[in-house]
Amino acid sequence: MDGSVYLDIGEGQDNSVVLLDTAGADSKLEFVTHSWSDRCLIDRAPSGQQFMTVDHGQADVTFHDHLNRDVPFTLPVEAFG
């Protein structure tokens, strides 16, 4: 793992913001906001390479790649029956 930390800030019924903390060149904390503001952070893989979010309205579950922020897999809620 690279030492980064994810922080999910729930804003009640409005939305949820996920921040990624990385240590900058001078070791100061730098928070990067993800481009979406309607997903809730659920978990991060033990390897640290992927993390999982759920749509704020619970429409789907999505798995994200930590390094390049790609979305390799999304599963809609209908798939759960």
C-alpha atoms as a PDB file:
ATOM      1  CA  MET A   1       0.000   0.000   0.000  1.00  0.00           C
ATOM      2  CA  ASP A   2       1.123   3.525  -0.695  1.00  0.00           C
ATOM      3  CA  GLY A   3       0.050   5.146   2.597  1.00  0.00           C
ATOM      4  CA  SER A   4      -2.944   6.973   1.149  1.00  0.00           C
ATOM      5  CA  VAL A   5      -6.157   7.259   3.152  1.00  0.00           C
ATOM      6  CA  TYR A   6      -9.760   7.536   1.966  1.00  0.00           C
ATOM      7  CA  LEU A   7     -12.224   9.667   3.930  1.00  0.00           C
ATOM      8  CA  ASP A   8     -15.990   9.604   3.369  1.00  0.00           C
ATOM      9  CA  ILE A   9     -17.856  12.689   4.586  1.00  0.00           C
ATOM     10  CA  GLY A  10     -21.577  12.042   4.777  1.00  0.00           C
ATOM     11  CA  GLU A  11     -23.692  15.142   4.229  1.00  0.00           C
ATOM     12  CA  GLY A  12     -27.025  13.736   5.327  1.00  0.00           C
ATOM     13  CA  GLN A  13     -29.647  13.363   2.657  1.00  0.00           C
ATOM     14  CA  ASP A  14     -27.816  15.657   0.242  1.00  0.00           C
ATOM     15  CA  ASN A  15     -24.784  13.586  -0.733  1.00  0.00           C
ATOM     16  CA  SER A  16     -21.522  12.045   0.392  1.00  0.00           C
ATOM     17  CA  VAL A  17     -18.051  13.301  -0.526  1.00  0.00           C
ATOM     18  CA  VAL A  18     -15.079  10.943  -0.777  1.00  0.00           C
ATOM     19  CA  LEU A  19     -11.629  12.444  -0.283  1.00  0.00           C
ATOM     20  CA  LEU A  20      -8.290  10.801  -0.983  1.00  0.00           C
ATOM     21  CA  ASP A  21      -5.404  11.902   1.235  1.00  0.00           C
ATOM     22  CA  THR A  22      -1.927  11.727  -0.217  1.00  0.00           C
ATOM     23  CA  ALA A  23       1.327  13.004   1.222  1.00  0.00           C
ATOM     24  CA  GLY A  24       2.647  15.831  -0.903  1.00  0.00           C
ATOM     25  CA  ALA A  25       6.292  16.486  -1.757  1.00  0.00           C
ATOM     26  CA  ASP A  26       6.804  18.261   1.572  1.00  0.00           C
ATOM     27  CA  SER A  27       4.909  15.496   3.472  1.00  0.00           C
ATOM     28  CA  LYS A  28       1.924  17.772   4.070  1.00  0.00           C
ATOM     29  CA  LEU A  29      -1.503  16.235   3.695  1.00  0.00           C
ATOM     30  CA  GLU A  30      -3.207  16.902   0.387  1.00  0.00           C
ATOM     31  CA  PHE A  31      -6.876  16.021  -0.017  1.00  0.00           C
ATOM     32  CA  VAL A  32      -8.201  15.253  -3.489  1.00  0.00           C
ATOM     33  CA  THR A  33     -11.973  15.210  -4.000  1.00  0.00           C
ATOM     34  CA  HIS A  34     -13.289  12.552  -6.344  1.00  0.00           C
ATOM     35  CA  SER A  35     -15.225  13.818  -9.353  1.00  0.00           C
ATOM     36  CA  TRP A  36     -18.488  12.336  -8.053  1.00  0.00           C
ATOM     37  CA  SER A  37     -20.353  13.579  -4.997  1.00  0.00           C
ATOM     38  CA  ASP A  38     -23.088  10.988  -4.819  1.00  0.00           C
ATOM     39  CA  ARG A  39     -21.221   7.815  -3.798  1.00  0.00           C
ATOM     40  CA  CYS A  40     -20.539   6.384  -0.338  1.00  0.00           C
ATOM     41  CA  LEU A  41     -17.236   4.695   0.409  1.00  0.00           C
ATOM     42  CA  ILE A  42     -17.809   1.165   1.709  1.00  0.00           C
ATOM     43  CA  ASP A  43     -14.418  -0.546   1.863  1.00  0.00           C
ATOM     44  CA  ARG A  44     -10.916  -0.813   0.468  1.00  0.00           C
ATOM     45  CA  ALA A  45      -9.300  -4.088  -0.571  1.00  0.00           C
ATOM     46  CA  PRO A  46      -6.572  -5.421   1.759  1.00  0.00           C
ATOM     47  CA  SER A  47      -4.039  -4.911  -1.044  1.00  0.00           C
ATOM     48  CA  GLY A  48      -5.060  -1.252  -1.241  1.00  0.00           C
ATOM     49  CA  GLN A  49      -5.416  -1.458  -5.021  1.00  0.00           C
ATOM     50  CA  GLN A  50      -9.234  -1.289  -5.226  1.00  0.00           C
ATOM     51  CA  PHE A  51     -12.066   0.281  -3.276  1.00  0.00           C
ATOM     52  CA  MET A  52     -15.832  -0.113  -3.300  1.00  0.00           C
ATOM     53  CA  THR A  53     -18.554   2.534  -3.289  1.00  0.00           C
ATOM     54  CA  VAL A  54     -22.352   2.467  -3.302  1.00  0.00           C
ATOM     55  CA  ASP A  55     -24.492   5.023  -5.073  1.00  0.00           C
ATOM     56  CA  HIS A  56     -25.975   7.468  -2.527  1.00  0.00           C
ATOM     57  CA  GLY A  57     -29.439   6.471  -3.730  1.00  0.00           C
ATOM     58  CA  GLN A  58     -28.374   2.807  -3.513  1.00  0.00           C
ATOM     59  CA  ALA A  59     -28.818   2.221  -7.265  1.00  0.00           C
ATOM     60  CA  ASP A  60     -25.560   0.277  -7.692  1.00  0.00           C
ATOM     61  CA  VAL A  61     -22.288  -0.921  -6.201  1.00  0.00           C
ATOM     62  CA  THR A  62     -19.083   0.052  -7.995  1.00  0.00           C
ATOM     63  CA  PHE A  63     -15.511  -1.130  -7.691  1.00  0.00           C
ATOM     64  CA  HIS A  64     -12.759   1.382  -8.461  1.00  0.00           C
ATOM     65  CA  ASP A  65      -9.060   1.033  -9.184  1.00  0.00           C
ATOM     66  CA  HIS A  66      -7.033   3.031  -6.643  1.00  0.00           C
ATOM     67  CA  LEU A  67      -4.145   4.084  -8.899  1.00  0.00           C
ATOM     68  CA  ASN A  68      -5.869   5.186 -12.093  1.00  0.00           C
ATOM     69  CA  ARG A  69      -9.462   5.617 -10.800  1.00  0.00           C
ATOM     70  CA  ASP A  70     -10.838   3.319 -13.507  1.00  0.00           C
ATOM     71  CA  VAL A  71     -14.134   1.533 -12.844  1.00  0.00           C
ATOM     72  CA  PRO A  72     -13.629  -2.131 -13.747  1.00  0.00           C
ATOM     73  CA  PHE A  73     -17.004  -3.288 -12.424  1.00  0.00           C
ATOM     74  CA  THR A  74     -20.452  -1.889 -11.556  1.00  0.00           C
ATOM     75  CA  LEU A  75     -23.379  -3.995 -10.410  1.00  0.00           C
ATOM     76  CA  PRO A  76     -26.918  -2.488 -10.430  1.00  0.00           C
ATOM     77  CA  VAL A  77     -29.183  -3.130  -7.451  1.00  0.00           C
ATOM     78  CA  GLU A  78     -31.570  -5.097  -9.687  1.00  0.00           C
ATOM     79  CA  ALA A  79     -28.928  -7.831  -9.967  1.00  0.00           C
ATOM     80  CA  PHE A  80     -29.558  -8.673  -6.298  1.00  0.00           C
ATOM     81  CA  GLY A  81     -33.202  -9.518  -7.000  1.00  0.00           C
END
